[in-house]
Amino acid sequence: MFQFDRQFIHNFDWVMVVILLLISIMSLASLFSATWNGGPSPSPIFFKQLYFFLFGYALILLILNIDYNELEILSYLAYVAICLLLVYTKLFVDSIAGTQRWINLGFFHLQPSEPAKLILVLVLASSYSNREYMEKGYRLRDIVQPAAITAVPFLLILIQPDLGTALMLAILFTSMTLFAHLRWSTIIMLGSSGIVCGALGWLYGLKDYQRRRIETFLNPESDPMHHGYQIKQSKIAVGSGQAFGKGFMEGTQGHLNFLPERHTDFAFAVWCEELGFAGSLFFLICFFFMLFWGINIALTARDKFGVYLAFGLVMLIFWQTVINLFMIMGMLPVVGIPLPLFSYGGSSLLTTLVAIGILMNIRMRRFQTK
């Protein structure tokens, strides 16, 4: 176990810390602007997110003092616990805006579906790392167990209803399963099954508002003042920033309340409007460098569990980022996926910081024997 001594300092992942601090500063600056109401002090939302960041940093330091292999032992207990929380959320939590997603803890509203994504990565990493390598790839029957593990939280989140987060679980399963090496016959069968399930889901599984979101994405002009409003205003905000933006806290789409959800799902649109292409490019370079660094961590991990775990954590952050960015540019339907580290939300932010803490943990122990 690492302690705060020379060994800890020597192995500390300073690269990840620097890039994380840069992203955190940009995130808080954007949130300050998006939620500022003209008063003498920042909004309560800003301070809450700041406290979440500080608590998340403390969690990272705690995680670094635990060998990540111990997480493999705890992963299935955490999986059972999160599934029970999802059941509790559906049965006993009051509905907010037609959904049951948040457990009121008094000082904090916990959204169990957020840590469920992280815990699924842990369990899938454990499952695949304990399997013997097959040169020709896994057969369909070899992935029944990981698929079943994914299906339980997937269905529990889907009935909240939260289609976006449920799809994230499916994407994580697909990414980690392909990384584990499948036979081409298995890929073809899974792809065909996915197409069939997608068609059946469109016909019978989606609720009316979910179907309207997809229809609006395909043709936002058909309903410009209702379901297409968010997409239109987001695209205006992103485009109006031009090369260098309108200036910090000078954006009109956000400050004049044209842009809905400007501190959550569409937080990056505010940044694009105020900092323009140059500021957006700098943020994206920092963010994707962090992801490339995560891939490097996966490639240099000391064992199979570390490799699968690091890869899954990078995919967790990567896919949420890509979906959110495409969403604010009108290239994907609005599905409520936050931009990691940037969108306001305690559950999402803490989940992402814990994921980064585990990545740092894996890198710090890459030369250490078990």
Protein backbone atom coordinates (compact mmCIF):
# COMPACT_ATOMS: atom_id res chain seq x y z
CA MET A 1 0.00 0.00 0.00
CA PHE A 2 1.29 3.42 -0.91
CA GLN A 3 1.86 6.00 1.81
CA PHE A 4 2.69 9.67 1.53
CA ASP A 5 6.45 9.07 1.31
CA ARG A 6 9.11 9.21 -1.39
CA GLN A 7 7.75 6.13 -3.13
CA PHE A 8 4.28 7.67 -3.29
CA ILE A 9 5.66 10.93 -4.71
CA HIS A 10 7.89 9.11 -7.20
CA ASN A 11 5.06 6.97 -8.60
CA PHE A 12 2.41 9.68 -8.48
CA ASP A 13 0.78 10.32 -11.88
CA TRP A 14 1.62 14.02 -12.19
CA VAL A 15 0.58 14.13 -15.86
CA MET A 16 -2.98 13.12 -15.04
CA VAL A 17 -3.10 15.56 -12.12
CA VAL A 18 -2.04 18.54 -14.26
CA ILE A 19 -4.51 17.78 -17.04
CA LEU A 20 -7.29 17.13 -14.51
CA LEU A 21 -6.66 20.48 -12.82
CA LEU A 22 -6.75 22.29 -16.17
CA ILE A 23 -10.07 20.68 -17.10
CA SER A 24 -11.49 21.36 -13.63
CA ILE A 25 -10.60 25.07 -13.85
CA MET A 26 -12.25 25.37 -17.26
CA SER A 27 -15.31 23.49 -16.03
CA LEU A 28 -15.78 25.72 -12.99
CA ALA A 29 -15.17 28.88 -15.03
CA SER A 30 -17.86 27.83 -17.52
CA LEU A 31 -20.29 26.94 -14.73
CA PHE A 32 -19.61 30.29 -13.03
CA SER A 33 -20.60 32.09 -16.22
CA ALA A 34 -23.57 29.84 -17.06
CA THR A 35 -25.17 30.22 -13.61
CA TRP A 36 -24.23 33.83 -12.79
CA ASN A 37 -27.35 35.92 -12.16
CA GLY A 38 -25.72 39.34 -12.02
CA GLY A 39 -25.28 39.33 -8.25
CA PRO A 40 -22.12 40.08 -6.25
CA SER A 41 -21.28 36.41 -5.67
CA PRO A 42 -21.39 33.11 -7.60
CA SER A 43 -24.56 31.05 -7.61
CA PRO A 44 -25.20 28.26 -5.05
CA ILE A 45 -24.92 25.78 -7.94
CA PHE A 46 -21.33 26.90 -8.52
CA PHE A 47 -20.38 26.37 -4.88
CA LYS A 48 -22.04 22.93 -4.81
CA GLN A 49 -20.04 21.83 -7.84
CA LEU A 50 -16.86 23.23 -6.27
CA TYR A 51 -17.53 21.17 -3.14
CA PHE A 52 -18.12 18.08 -5.30
CA PHE A 53 -14.75 18.65 -6.98
CA LEU A 54 -12.95 18.99 -3.65
CA PHE A 55 -14.65 15.87 -2.29
CA GLY A 56 -13.77 14.03 -5.50
CA TYR A 57 -10.11 14.97 -5.15
CA ALA A 58 -10.17 13.59 -1.60
CA LEU A 59 -11.65 10.36 -2.94
CA ILE A 60 -8.81 10.13 -5.47
CA LEU A 61 -6.22 10.35 -2.68
CA LEU A 62 -8.09 7.63 -0.80
CA ILE A 63 -8.24 5.40 -3.88
CA LEU A 64 -4.50 5.79 -4.51
CA ASN A 65 -3.77 4.16 -1.15
CA ILE A 66 -5.66 0.98 -2.12
CA ASP A 67 -4.27 -1.61 -4.51
CA TYR A 68 -6.69 -1.66 -7.45
CA ASN A 69 -6.76 -5.48 -7.37
CA GLU A 70 -8.73 -5.21 -4.15
CA LEU A 71 -11.48 -3.58 -6.22
CA GLU A 72 -11.89 -6.85 -8.12
CA ILE A 73 -12.83 -8.58 -4.88
CA LEU A 74 -15.35 -5.85 -4.01
CA SER A 75 -16.78 -5.42 -7.52
CA TYR A 76 -19.53 -8.06 -7.27
CA LEU A 77 -20.63 -6.82 -3.84
CA ALA A 78 -20.82 -3.31 -5.29
CA TYR A 79 -22.77 -4.71 -8.25
CA VAL A 80 -25.40 -6.28 -5.99
CA ALA A 81 -25.60 -3.09 -3.92
CA ILE A 82 -26.11 -0.82 -6.93
CA CYS A 83 -28.80 -3.13 -8.37
CA LEU A 84 -30.64 -3.00 -5.04
CA LEU A 85 -30.38 0.79 -5.09
CA LEU A 86 -31.83 0.86 -8.60
CA VAL A 87 -34.72 -1.33 -7.43
CA TYR A 88 -35.26 0.97 -4.44
CA THR A 89 -35.23 3.99 -6.76
CA LYS A 90 -37.98 2.51 -8.91
CA LEU A 91 -40.18 1.34 -6.02
CA PHE A 92 -39.86 4.05 -3.39
CA VAL A 93 -38.52 7.27 -4.92
CA ASP A 94 -40.91 10.04 -5.93
CA SER A 95 -41.17 10.82 -9.61
CA ILE A 96 -39.53 14.04 -10.85
CA ALA A 97 -40.45 15.21 -14.36
CA GLY A 98 -41.87 11.76 -15.07
CA THR A 99 -38.73 9.86 -14.05
CA GLN A 100 -37.48 8.10 -10.91
CA ARG A 101 -33.72 8.60 -10.85
CA TRP A 102 -32.63 10.41 -7.68
CA ILE A 103 -32.50 9.33 -4.04
CA ASN A 104 -32.73 12.28 -1.67
CA LEU A 105 -30.05 11.89 1.00
CA GLY A 106 -30.73 15.31 2.47
CA PHE A 107 -27.36 16.87 1.71
CA PHE A 108 -27.11 15.24 -1.72
CA HIS A 109 -29.34 13.74 -4.41
CA LEU A 110 -27.78 10.42 -5.43
CA GLN A 111 -28.42 9.16 -8.95
CA PRO A 112 -27.57 5.42 -8.71
CA SER A 113 -27.42 5.01 -12.49
CA GLU A 114 -24.21 7.07 -12.59
CA PRO A 115 -22.05 4.84 -10.32
CA ALA A 116 -23.78 1.85 -11.97
CA LYS A 117 -21.75 2.59 -15.12
CA LEU A 118 -18.49 2.53 -13.17
CA ILE A 119 -19.41 -0.63 -11.27
CA LEU A 120 -20.37 -2.38 -14.53
CA VAL A 121 -16.87 -1.62 -15.88
CA LEU A 122 -15.35 -3.14 -12.73
CA VAL A 123 -17.42 -6.32 -12.98
CA LEU A 124 -16.86 -6.77 -16.73
CA ALA A 125 -13.11 -6.21 -16.26
CA SER A 126 -13.10 -8.90 -13.58
CA SER A 127 -15.12 -11.28 -15.76
CA TYR A 128 -12.96 -10.94 -18.89
CA SER A 129 -9.61 -10.88 -17.07
CA ASN A 130 -10.36 -14.25 -15.44
CA ARG A 131 -11.08 -15.97 -18.75
CA GLU A 132 -8.52 -17.92 -20.73
CA TYR A 133 -7.40 -16.22 -23.91
CA MET A 134 -8.88 -17.82 -27.04
CA GLU A 135 -6.82 -17.26 -30.18
CA LYS A 136 -9.85 -17.41 -32.46
CA GLY A 137 -11.90 -15.20 -30.13
CA TYR A 138 -14.82 -15.80 -27.83
CA ARG A 139 -17.94 -17.58 -29.01
CA LEU A 140 -21.44 -16.35 -28.33
CA ARG A 141 -21.91 -18.73 -25.40
CA ASP A 142 -18.69 -17.42 -23.84
CA ILE A 143 -20.20 -13.96 -23.33
CA VAL A 144 -23.56 -15.03 -21.92
CA GLN A 145 -22.43 -14.27 -18.37
CA PRO A 146 -21.13 -10.72 -19.13
CA ALA A 147 -24.28 -10.04 -21.17
CA ALA A 148 -26.50 -11.14 -18.27
CA ILE A 149 -24.47 -9.00 -15.86
CA THR A 150 -25.10 -6.00 -18.13
CA ALA A 151 -28.77 -6.77 -18.73
CA VAL A 152 -29.87 -6.45 -15.08
CA PRO A 153 -28.86 -2.79 -14.48
CA PHE A 154 -29.69 -2.00 -18.11
CA LEU A 155 -33.33 -3.00 -17.61
CA LEU A 156 -33.56 -1.39 -14.16
CA ILE A 157 -32.33 1.93 -15.57
CA LEU A 158 -34.45 1.64 -18.72
CA ILE A 159 -37.68 1.46 -16.69
CA GLN A 160 -36.89 4.61 -14.66
CA PRO A 161 -37.08 5.64 -17.59
CA ASP A 162 -33.53 6.75 -18.55
CA LEU A 163 -32.82 5.62 -22.09
CA GLY A 164 -29.55 7.53 -22.44
CA THR A 165 -27.85 5.96 -19.40
CA ALA A 166 -29.21 2.51 -20.25
CA LEU A 167 -27.71 2.79 -23.73
CA MET A 168 -24.40 3.80 -22.13
CA LEU A 169 -24.33 0.44 -20.32
CA ALA A 170 -24.93 -1.34 -23.62
CA ILE A 171 -22.15 0.68 -25.27
CA LEU A 172 -19.74 -0.14 -22.45
CA PHE A 173 -20.55 -3.84 -22.73
CA THR A 174 -20.03 -3.73 -26.50
CA SER A 175 -16.74 -1.84 -26.24
CA MET A 176 -15.22 -4.10 -23.59
CA THR A 177 -16.50 -7.26 -25.27
CA LEU A 178 -14.97 -6.29 -28.62
CA PHE A 179 -11.73 -5.45 -26.80
CA ALA A 180 -11.77 -8.94 -25.27
CA HIS A 181 -11.59 -10.38 -28.82
CA LEU A 182 -14.66 -11.95 -30.44
CA ARG A 183 -14.96 -14.30 -33.37
CA TRP A 184 -16.31 -12.70 -36.54
CA SER A 185 -19.28 -15.06 -36.46
CA THR A 186 -20.09 -13.83 -32.96
CA ILE A 187 -19.81 -10.19 -34.05
CA ILE A 188 -22.16 -10.79 -36.98
CA MET A 189 -24.73 -12.52 -34.76
CA LEU A 190 -24.54 -9.77 -32.14
CA GLY A 191 -24.81 -7.07 -34.80
CA SER A 192 -27.87 -8.72 -36.35
CA SER A 193 -29.46 -9.10 -32.91
CA GLY A 194 -28.76 -5.43 -32.20
CA ILE A 195 -30.52 -4.34 -35.38
CA VAL A 196 -33.56 -6.48 -34.56
CA CYS A 197 -33.68 -5.22 -30.97
CA GLY A 198 -33.34 -1.64 -32.19
CA ALA A 199 -36.30 -2.06 -34.56
CA LEU A 200 -38.44 -3.69 -31.88
CA GLY A 201 -37.41 -1.02 -29.39
CA TRP A 202 -38.50 1.72 -31.79
CA LEU A 203 -41.86 0.08 -32.39
CA TYR A 204 -42.71 -1.11 -28.90
CA GLY A 205 -40.10 -0.04 -26.35
CA LEU A 206 -39.73 3.73 -26.66
CA LYS A 207 -42.05 6.14 -24.93
CA ASP A 208 -43.66 8.89 -27.01
CA TYR A 209 -41.29 11.63 -25.80
CA GLN A 210 -38.25 9.44 -26.54
CA ARG A 211 -39.50 8.77 -30.05
CA ARG A 212 -40.16 12.50 -30.55
CA ARG A 213 -36.56 13.28 -29.55
CA ILE A 214 -35.25 11.06 -32.32
CA GLU A 215 -37.71 12.47 -34.86
CA THR A 216 -36.71 15.99 -33.82
CA PHE A 217 -33.04 15.12 -34.28
CA LEU A 218 -33.76 13.95 -37.82
CA ASN A 219 -35.81 17.08 -38.56
CA PRO A 220 -35.46 19.79 -35.87
CA GLU A 221 -37.23 22.37 -38.03
CA SER A 222 -40.47 20.40 -37.81
CA ASP A 223 -40.99 21.54 -34.20
CA PRO A 224 -38.73 24.57 -33.68
CA MET A 225 -40.47 25.96 -30.59
CA HIS A 226 -40.83 22.75 -28.60
CA HIS A 227 -38.75 19.57 -28.94
CA GLY A 228 -36.42 21.11 -31.54
CA TYR A 229 -35.82 24.24 -29.49
CA GLN A 230 -32.86 22.91 -27.50
CA ILE A 231 -31.02 21.69 -30.59
CA LYS A 232 -31.59 24.96 -32.47
CA GLN A 233 -30.42 27.16 -29.60
CA SER A 234 -27.41 24.96 -28.92
CA LYS A 235 -26.31 25.11 -32.56
CA ILE A 236 -26.75 28.89 -32.53
CA ALA A 237 -24.62 29.17 -29.38
CA VAL A 238 -21.85 26.96 -30.79
CA GLY A 239 -21.79 28.72 -34.17
CA SER A 240 -22.02 32.27 -32.84
CA GLY A 241 -18.77 31.86 -30.90
CA GLN A 242 -16.84 31.92 -34.20
CA ALA A 243 -13.03 32.00 -33.89
CA PHE A 244 -12.40 33.53 -30.47
CA GLY A 245 -15.85 33.79 -28.89
CA LYS A 246 -17.89 36.66 -27.51
CA GLY A 247 -15.81 36.85 -24.35
CA PHE A 248 -16.06 35.29 -20.91
CA MET A 249 -19.53 35.90 -19.41
CA GLU A 250 -20.56 37.76 -22.58
CA GLY A 251 -22.56 34.99 -24.23
CA THR A 252 -26.11 35.94 -25.17
CA GLN A 253 -27.68 32.51 -25.67
CA GLY A 254 -26.89 31.51 -22.11
CA HIS A 255 -27.26 34.78 -20.20
CA LEU A 256 -30.49 35.74 -21.95
CA ASN A 257 -31.95 32.30 -21.17
CA PHE A 258 -32.35 31.19 -24.78
CA LEU A 259 -30.33 28.02 -24.13
CA PRO A 260 -32.08 25.48 -21.85
CA GLU A 261 -30.07 23.25 -19.48
CA ARG A 262 -27.05 25.47 -20.03
CA HIS A 263 -25.27 24.21 -16.89
CA THR A 264 -26.01 20.49 -17.40
CA ASP A 265 -26.50 18.77 -20.76
CA PHE A 266 -25.61 21.85 -22.85
CA ALA A 267 -22.82 23.24 -20.66
CA PHE A 268 -20.22 23.02 -23.41
CA ALA A 269 -22.38 25.13 -25.74
CA VAL A 270 -21.89 28.05 -23.31
CA TRP A 271 -18.12 27.52 -23.43
CA CYS A 272 -18.18 27.44 -27.26
CA GLU A 273 -20.15 30.68 -27.45
CA GLU A 274 -17.93 32.59 -25.03
CA LEU A 275 -14.49 31.18 -25.94
CA GLY A 276 -15.10 30.33 -29.57
CA PHE A 277 -13.27 27.80 -31.71
CA ALA A 278 -9.90 28.54 -30.09
CA GLY A 279 -11.14 28.00 -26.54
CA SER A 280 -13.13 24.92 -27.52
CA LEU A 281 -10.14 23.43 -29.33
CA PHE A 282 -7.91 23.98 -26.29
CA PHE A 283 -10.44 22.23 -24.04
CA LEU A 284 -10.81 19.30 -26.43
CA ILE A 285 -7.04 18.91 -26.75
CA CYS A 286 -6.74 18.74 -22.97
CA PHE A 287 -9.67 16.35 -22.65
CA PHE A 288 -8.64 13.92 -25.36
CA PHE A 289 -5.03 13.99 -24.19
CA MET A 290 -6.39 12.76 -20.86
CA LEU A 291 -8.14 9.92 -22.69
CA PHE A 292 -5.01 9.03 -24.70
CA TRP A 293 -3.08 9.02 -21.44
CA GLY A 294 -5.69 6.61 -20.10
CA ILE A 295 -5.11 4.30 -23.08
CA ASN A 296 -1.39 4.43 -22.33
CA ILE A 297 -2.20 3.39 -18.76
CA ALA A 298 -4.14 0.40 -20.11
CA LEU A 299 -1.26 -0.63 -22.37
CA THR A 300 1.28 -0.49 -19.52
CA ALA A 301 -0.83 -2.07 -16.77
CA ARG A 302 0.82 -4.88 -14.81
CA ASP A 303 -1.95 -7.49 -15.25
CA LYS A 304 -5.00 -8.41 -17.31
CA PHE A 305 -7.43 -6.97 -14.79
CA GLY A 306 -5.62 -3.62 -14.93
CA VAL A 307 -5.68 -3.66 -18.74
CA TYR A 308 -9.41 -4.37 -18.99
CA LEU A 309 -10.26 -2.01 -16.16
CA ALA A 310 -8.27 0.92 -17.55
CA PHE A 311 -9.68 0.38 -21.04
CA GLY A 312 -13.25 0.23 -19.70
CA LEU A 313 -12.79 3.42 -17.67
CA VAL A 314 -11.45 5.27 -20.70
CA MET A 315 -14.44 4.05 -22.73
CA LEU A 316 -16.77 5.24 -19.96
CA ILE A 317 -15.44 8.78 -20.26
CA PHE A 318 -14.88 8.69 -24.03
CA TRP A 319 -18.37 7.63 -25.11
CA GLN A 320 -20.13 10.07 -22.78
CA THR A 321 -17.94 12.84 -24.17
CA VAL A 322 -18.56 11.97 -27.81
CA ILE A 323 -22.33 11.59 -27.31
CA ASN A 324 -22.63 14.90 -25.44
CA LEU A 325 -20.53 16.83 -27.98
CA PHE A 326 -22.49 15.38 -30.90
CA MET A 327 -25.71 16.15 -29.04
CA ILE A 328 -24.99 19.86 -28.59
CA MET A 329 -24.02 20.14 -32.27
CA GLY A 330 -27.30 18.53 -33.36
CA MET A 331 -25.59 15.39 -34.68
CA LEU A 332 -27.30 13.06 -32.17
CA PRO A 333 -30.67 13.17 -30.39
CA VAL A 334 -30.89 14.79 -26.96
CA VAL A 335 -30.55 11.81 -24.60
CA GLY A 336 -29.46 13.47 -21.36
CA ILE A 337 -25.83 12.30 -21.34
CA PRO A 338 -23.62 14.76 -19.38
CA LEU A 339 -20.16 15.88 -20.48
CA PRO A 340 -17.81 14.29 -17.90
CA LEU A 341 -16.14 16.79 -15.54
CA PHE A 342 -17.95 19.66 -17.29
CA SER A 343 -21.71 19.27 -16.84
CA TYR A 344 -23.17 20.12 -13.44
CA GLY A 345 -24.15 17.10 -11.35
CA GLY A 346 -22.68 15.54 -8.23
CA SER A 347 -23.27 11.87 -9.08
CA SER A 348 -21.77 12.20 -12.56
CA LEU A 349 -18.79 14.27 -11.40
CA LEU A 350 -17.89 12.00 -8.48
CA THR A 351 -18.21 8.90 -10.67
CA THR A 352 -15.83 10.40 -13.23
CA LEU A 353 -13.31 11.50 -10.58
CA VAL A 354 -13.35 8.03 -9.01
CA ALA A 355 -12.73 6.56 -12.49
CA ILE A 356 -9.75 8.89 -12.95
CA GLY A 357 -8.49 7.97 -9.48
CA ILE A 358 -8.56 4.28 -10.43
CA LEU A 359 -6.68 5.04 -13.66
CA MET A 360 -3.99 6.85 -11.65
CA ASN A 361 -3.91 3.89 -9.27
CA ILE A 362 -3.28 1.45 -12.13
CA ARG A 363 -0.44 3.58 -13.51
CA MET A 364 1.21 4.02 -10.11
CA ARG A 365 1.38 0.25 -9.65
CA ARG A 366 2.46 -0.74 -13.15
CA PHE A 367 5.88 -1.95 -11.96
CA GLN A 368 4.74 -3.28 -8.61
CA THR A 369 4.39 -7.03 -8.10
CA LYS A 370 1.21 -8.33 -6.51
